[in-house]
Protein backbone atom coordinates (compact mmCIF):
# COMPACT_ATOMS: atom_id res chain seq x y z
CA MET A 1 39.95 60.63 3.41
CA GLU A 2 40.79 62.81 0.40
CA ALA A 3 43.01 60.06 -1.04
CA ILE A 4 40.09 57.61 -1.19
CA PHE A 5 38.35 57.49 -4.56
CA HIS A 6 34.59 57.81 -4.07
CA GLU A 7 32.04 58.26 -6.85
CA ARG A 8 28.71 59.71 -5.78
CA GLN A 9 25.40 58.55 -7.17
CA GLU A 10 24.36 59.81 -10.61
CA GLY A 11 21.04 58.57 -11.93
CA SER A 12 20.88 54.78 -11.57
CA LEU A 13 24.55 54.14 -12.36
CA CYS A 14 25.23 52.49 -9.01
CA ALA A 15 26.82 49.44 -10.68
CA GLN A 16 29.40 51.70 -12.33
CA HIS A 17 30.02 53.55 -9.03
CA CYS A 18 30.30 50.23 -7.20
CA LEU A 19 32.98 48.92 -9.59
CA ASN A 20 34.99 52.15 -9.72
CA ASN A 21 34.89 52.58 -5.93
CA LEU A 22 36.04 48.97 -5.58
CA LEU A 23 38.94 49.41 -8.02
CA GLN A 24 39.64 52.97 -6.78
CA GLY A 25 39.55 54.73 -10.11
CA GLU A 26 37.50 55.55 -13.21
CA TYR A 27 37.88 52.10 -14.72
CA PHE A 28 34.39 51.63 -16.17
CA SER A 29 31.93 53.91 -17.95
CA PRO A 30 28.26 53.31 -18.86
CA VAL A 31 29.32 52.69 -22.46
CA GLU A 32 31.73 49.91 -21.49
CA LEU A 33 29.23 48.26 -19.16
CA SER A 34 26.54 48.49 -21.86
CA SER A 35 28.88 46.72 -24.24
CA ILE A 36 29.33 43.87 -21.74
CA ALA A 37 25.54 43.70 -21.24
CA GLN A 38 24.91 43.52 -25.00
CA GLN A 39 27.47 40.74 -25.30
CA LEU A 40 25.68 38.79 -22.56
CA ASP A 41 22.33 39.38 -24.29
CA GLU A 42 23.75 37.99 -27.54
CA GLU A 43 25.12 34.90 -25.79
CA GLU A 44 21.70 34.28 -24.25
CA ARG A 45 20.01 34.72 -27.63
CA ILE A 46 22.33 32.15 -29.22
CA ARG A 47 21.56 29.63 -26.48
CA MET A 48 17.82 30.18 -26.89
CA ALA A 49 18.12 29.77 -30.67
CA GLU A 50 19.53 26.29 -30.17
CA GLY A 51 16.00 25.16 -29.35
CA GLY A 52 14.78 26.45 -32.71
CA VAL A 53 14.33 30.00 -33.97
CA SER A 54 10.68 29.25 -34.75
CA SER A 55 9.88 28.01 -31.26
CA GLU A 56 7.48 29.90 -29.02
CA GLU A 57 10.16 30.24 -26.33
CA TYR A 58 12.58 31.92 -28.72
CA ARG A 59 9.98 34.39 -30.04
CA THR A 60 8.98 35.25 -26.47
CA PHE A 61 12.65 35.78 -25.55
CA LEU A 62 13.14 38.23 -28.42
CA GLN A 63 10.13 40.29 -27.29
CA GLN A 64 11.38 40.65 -23.72
CA PRO A 65 13.65 43.54 -22.65
CA SER A 66 17.25 42.87 -21.69
CA GLY A 67 17.77 41.33 -18.28
CA ASN A 68 21.31 42.69 -18.07
CA MET A 69 20.63 46.42 -18.37
CA ASP A 70 17.91 49.01 -18.82
CA ASP A 71 17.60 52.62 -19.92
CA SER A 72 17.95 53.94 -16.35
CA GLY A 73 21.56 52.72 -16.10
CA TYR A 74 20.95 49.54 -14.11
CA PHE A 75 23.28 46.59 -14.76
CA SER A 76 22.89 43.00 -13.56
CA ILE A 77 25.21 40.91 -11.39
CA GLN A 78 26.30 39.11 -14.57
CA VAL A 79 27.57 42.40 -16.02
CA ILE A 80 29.45 43.23 -12.81
CA SER A 81 30.92 39.73 -12.61
CA ASN A 82 32.12 39.81 -16.23
CA ALA A 83 33.59 43.30 -15.74
CA LEU A 84 35.63 42.04 -12.76
CA LYS A 85 36.91 39.04 -14.71
CA VAL A 86 38.92 41.50 -16.80
CA TRP A 87 40.96 42.14 -13.64
CA GLY A 88 41.13 38.50 -12.62
CA LEU A 89 38.56 39.00 -9.85
CA GLU A 90 35.78 36.60 -8.89
CA LEU A 91 32.55 37.00 -6.90
CA ILE A 92 31.43 34.42 -4.31
CA LEU A 93 28.11 34.64 -2.50
CA PHE A 94 28.91 35.47 1.13
CA ASN A 95 26.03 33.54 2.72
CA SER A 96 26.33 30.49 0.47
CA PRO A 97 26.85 27.16 2.28
CA GLU A 98 30.13 26.62 0.43
CA TYR A 99 31.63 29.88 1.65
CA GLN A 100 30.23 29.60 5.17
CA ARG A 101 31.86 26.19 5.56
CA LEU A 102 35.24 27.86 5.05
CA GLY A 103 34.73 29.77 8.31
CA ILE A 104 36.62 32.85 7.11
CA ASP A 105 36.45 35.91 9.37
CA PRO A 106 35.16 38.87 7.31
CA ILE A 107 38.03 41.12 8.48
CA ASN A 108 40.46 38.77 6.72
CA GLU A 109 38.85 39.48 3.35
CA ARG A 110 39.67 42.49 1.18
CA SER A 111 36.32 43.65 -0.16
CA PHE A 112 32.60 42.96 -0.52
CA ILE A 113 29.94 43.96 -3.04
CA CYS A 114 26.44 44.43 -1.63
CA ASN A 115 23.19 44.43 -3.60
CA TYR A 116 19.58 45.20 -2.70
CA LYS A 117 17.08 45.27 -5.55
CA GLU A 118 18.71 47.62 -8.09
CA HIS A 119 21.35 49.21 -5.86
CA TRP A 120 25.00 48.13 -5.67
CA PHE A 121 27.77 49.38 -3.40
CA THR A 122 31.25 48.38 -2.23
CA VAL A 123 32.72 47.75 1.22
CA ARG A 124 36.50 47.64 0.95
CA LYS A 125 39.60 47.45 3.12
CA LEU A 126 42.13 50.21 2.40
CA GLY A 127 45.38 49.90 4.29
CA LYS A 128 44.36 48.49 7.66
CA GLN A 129 40.87 49.98 7.84
CA TRP A 130 37.47 49.17 6.36
CA PHE A 131 35.32 51.69 4.50
CA ASN A 132 31.74 51.76 3.28
CA LEU A 133 32.02 53.26 -0.23
CA ASN A 134 28.29 53.48 -0.88
CA SER A 135 27.69 55.99 -3.69
CA LEU A 136 24.59 57.25 -1.87
CA LEU A 137 26.83 58.70 0.86
CA MET A 138 28.50 62.09 0.62
CA GLY A 139 31.86 60.42 1.31
CA PRO A 140 33.52 57.21 2.57
CA GLU A 141 32.30 55.86 5.91
CA LEU A 142 34.86 54.35 8.28
CA ILE A 143 33.92 50.91 9.66
CA SER A 144 35.83 49.44 12.60
CA ASP A 145 36.98 45.80 12.57
CA THR A 146 34.66 44.98 15.47
CA TYR A 147 31.67 46.52 13.68
CA LEU A 148 32.29 44.94 10.24
CA ALA A 149 30.69 41.55 11.00
CA LEU A 150 27.70 43.26 12.63
CA PHE A 151 27.36 45.62 9.65
CA LEU A 152 27.29 42.73 7.17
CA ALA A 153 24.81 40.79 9.32
CA GLN A 154 22.54 43.84 9.46
CA LEU A 155 22.64 44.16 5.66
CA GLN A 156 21.63 40.51 5.30
CA GLN A 157 18.69 41.03 7.65
CA GLU A 158 17.58 43.97 5.49
CA GLY A 159 17.52 41.72 2.42
CA TYR A 160 20.90 42.50 0.86
CA SER A 161 22.86 39.94 -1.14
CA ILE A 162 26.56 40.12 -0.26
CA PHE A 163 29.37 38.92 -2.51
CA VAL A 164 32.99 38.40 -1.50
CA VAL A 165 35.50 39.71 -4.03
CA LYS A 166 38.31 37.19 -4.51
CA GLY A 167 41.59 38.02 -6.23
CA ASP A 168 44.23 40.74 -6.18
CA LEU A 169 42.84 44.24 -6.51
CA PRO A 170 44.86 46.77 -8.52
CA ASP A 171 47.23 48.99 -6.53
CA CYS A 172 45.88 52.38 -5.50
CA GLU A 173 47.18 55.47 -3.74
CA ALA A 174 44.70 55.24 -0.86
CA ASP A 175 45.72 51.68 0.00
CA GLN A 176 49.41 52.58 0.04
CA LEU A 177 48.84 55.70 2.15
CA LEU A 178 46.59 53.98 4.69
CA GLN A 179 49.15 51.21 5.15
CA MET A 180 51.29 53.83 6.90
CA ILE A 181 48.67 55.88 8.75
CA GLN A 182 45.19 55.43 10.15
CA VAL A 183 42.35 57.88 9.80
CA GLN A 184 39.70 58.90 12.29
CA GLN A 185 36.17 59.96 11.45
CA ILE A 186 34.34 62.19 13.90
CA GLN A 187 31.01 62.31 12.08
CA ARG A 188 29.35 59.79 9.79
CA PRO A 189 28.89 61.13 6.24
CA LYS A 190 25.32 62.05 5.37
CA LEU A 191 23.25 60.51 2.62
CA ILE A 192 23.04 62.63 -0.52
CA GLY A 193 19.28 63.11 -0.12
CA GLU A 194 19.71 63.87 3.58
CA GLU A 195 22.19 66.65 2.79
CA THR A 196 19.80 68.20 0.26
CA ALA A 197 16.84 68.01 2.65
CA GLN A 198 18.85 69.64 5.45
CA SER A 199 19.90 72.50 3.19
CA ARG A 200 16.29 73.02 2.16
CA ASP A 201 15.15 73.03 5.81
CA GLU A 202 17.83 75.57 6.72
CA ARG A 203 16.67 77.84 3.91
CA GLY A 204 13.07 77.43 5.11
CA GLN A 205 14.00 78.27 8.70
CA LYS A 206 15.81 81.38 7.56
CA THR A 207 12.76 82.47 5.61
CA ASP A 208 10.52 81.92 8.65
CA LEU A 209 12.88 84.03 10.78
CA GLU A 210 12.86 86.83 8.24
CA GLN A 211 9.07 86.73 8.14
CA ALA A 212 8.90 86.94 11.94
CA LEU A 213 11.19 89.96 11.91
CA ASP A 214 9.04 91.59 9.25
CA VAL A 215 5.92 91.13 11.40
CA ASN A 216 7.50 92.60 14.53
CA HIS A 217 9.42 95.37 12.75
CA PRO A 218 7.72 96.08 9.44
CA TYR A 219 9.73 98.18 7.04
CA ASP A 220 7.87 100.27 4.48
CA GLY A 221 10.81 102.24 3.15
CA THR A 222 10.29 105.18 5.57
CA GLY A 223 11.04 103.45 8.87
CA MET A 224 13.86 104.52 11.18
CA LEU A 225 16.17 102.78 13.59
CA ASP A 226 15.10 102.80 17.26
CA GLU A 227 17.63 105.50 18.22
CA ASP A 228 16.64 107.77 15.34
CA GLU A 229 12.97 107.34 16.14
CA GLU A 230 13.57 108.25 19.80
CA ASN A 231 15.41 111.44 18.79
CA PHE A 232 12.62 112.31 16.40
CA GLN A 233 9.96 111.92 19.11
CA ARG A 234 12.00 114.10 21.50
CA ALA A 235 12.36 116.86 18.91
CA LEU A 236 8.65 116.65 18.15
CA ALA A 237 7.79 117.11 21.85
CA LEU A 238 10.05 120.16 22.17
CA SER A 239 8.53 121.71 19.09
CA LYS A 240 5.04 121.19 20.52
CA GLN A 241 6.06 122.92 23.76
CA GLU A 242 7.32 125.95 21.84
CA ILE A 243 4.09 126.14 19.87
CA ASP A 244 2.05 125.97 23.11
CA MET A 245 4.09 128.83 24.62
CA GLU A 246 3.60 130.97 21.54
CA ASP A 247 -0.14 130.28 21.62
CA GLU A 248 -0.26 131.24 25.31
CA GLU A 249 1.50 134.56 24.67
CA ALA A 250 -0.86 135.32 21.80
CA ASP A 251 -3.87 134.59 24.02
CA LEU A 252 -2.48 136.91 26.71
CA ARG A 253 -2.01 139.77 24.26
CA ARG A 254 -5.56 139.35 22.97
CA ALA A 255 -6.90 139.38 26.56
CA ILE A 256 -5.08 142.65 27.30
CA GLN A 257 -6.43 144.25 24.15
CA LEU A 258 -9.98 143.16 25.02
CA SER A 259 -9.67 144.51 28.57
CA MET A 260 -8.47 147.84 27.21
CA GLN A 261 -11.67 148.11 25.20
CA GLY A 262 -13.81 147.89 28.37
CA GLY A 263 -15.03 150.62 30.80
CA HIS A 264 -11.55 151.18 32.26
CA ARG A 265 -9.80 151.37 28.90
CA SER A 266 -8.60 154.91 29.37
CA GLU A 267 -7.25 154.38 32.87
CA PHE A 268 -5.50 151.15 31.89
CA SER A 269 -4.02 152.83 28.85
CA ASN A 270 -2.65 155.72 30.95
CA SER A 271 -1.18 153.32 33.48
CA VAL A 272 0.53 151.32 30.80
CA SER A 273 1.75 154.47 29.04
CA GLN A 274 3.38 155.77 32.19
CA ASN A 275 5.35 152.60 32.79
CA ILE A 276 6.38 151.59 29.25
CA PRO A 277 9.05 153.55 27.39
CA ARG A 278 8.11 154.42 23.83
CA SER A 279 10.04 153.08 20.91
CA SER A 280 9.43 154.23 17.37
CA GLY A 281 8.02 151.63 14.97
CA ILE A 282 7.39 149.04 17.74
CA SER A 283 4.09 148.59 19.62
CA GLN A 284 4.04 148.54 23.40
CA SER A 285 2.70 145.00 23.63
CA GLU A 286 5.40 143.70 21.28
CA SER A 287 8.21 145.31 23.35
CA LEU A 288 7.12 143.60 26.59
CA SER A 289 7.86 140.08 27.58
CA SER A 290 5.01 137.70 28.30
CA GLU A 291 5.88 137.63 32.02
CA GLU A 292 5.84 141.45 32.24
CA LEU A 293 2.47 141.58 30.50
CA ARG A 294 1.00 139.11 32.99
CA ARG A 295 2.34 141.06 35.96
CA ARG A 296 1.01 144.44 34.80
CA ARG A 297 -2.35 143.02 33.85
CA GLN A 298 -2.70 141.51 37.32
CA THR A 299 -1.75 144.84 38.93
CA TYR A 300 -4.38 146.64 36.90
CA PHE A 301 -7.25 144.33 37.87
CA GLU A 302 -6.29 144.39 41.56
CA LYS A 303 -6.91 148.15 41.76
């Protein structure tokens, strides 16, 4: 497929693309086609002037825009026909009674030019295979021999005018290559607009997915991964347990001190003094473990 010359649509220059895809090269530019159109306009003006330059018909003709081209890049069938005459090629209307009487099978032709309103495109045989070289497609479209007649009939039903190109087309690399090999096409090429729309939809779907992820897992710059968050929660729980134990020990020490201030303060103090070895600079309550303090306090109150 890479060897096939295929111009894609630019603006309204489909007539230029149609001719270049037919001839398989950059044979015509907008400037050259405009020159042909201006020449046709001048020939028409001369014919109209034959009826008198002061006639109403002539003045009306001069006020009308060109019928062979416009500012958008459109060119008429007359421009295309005159451009092909340079190469000794002729256009014949496919569905004309004269051509239909010949009874020629479409697969025995070499190329067709199709027109609907202001759009032109080429269907051409390269090697032993037919290709739709429509400039609105992303690339050449392979057409089988059995489908060619149906394809042309479908175009006619849609309102297309079809012209048979008669004459010898210039040699091209694609035609020579495809005489030796045949190509296969797995997927039909997309339309240019279809490709753009699909890319836009894919970008939109990606944005929607990102938004969904943001809703379920908002990120404010301080968030953590799931594993980090789990470790953080575990460390927080352990820290809370340690704080609770420290608070419990502090409460126990305060309870002992309060009990020592009661009616049995002296007796409790003597009992504690007898069982706790003294250590300089360290209080008795600070030298005992929390479990030992609980045990001795319980022994005291059970007396």
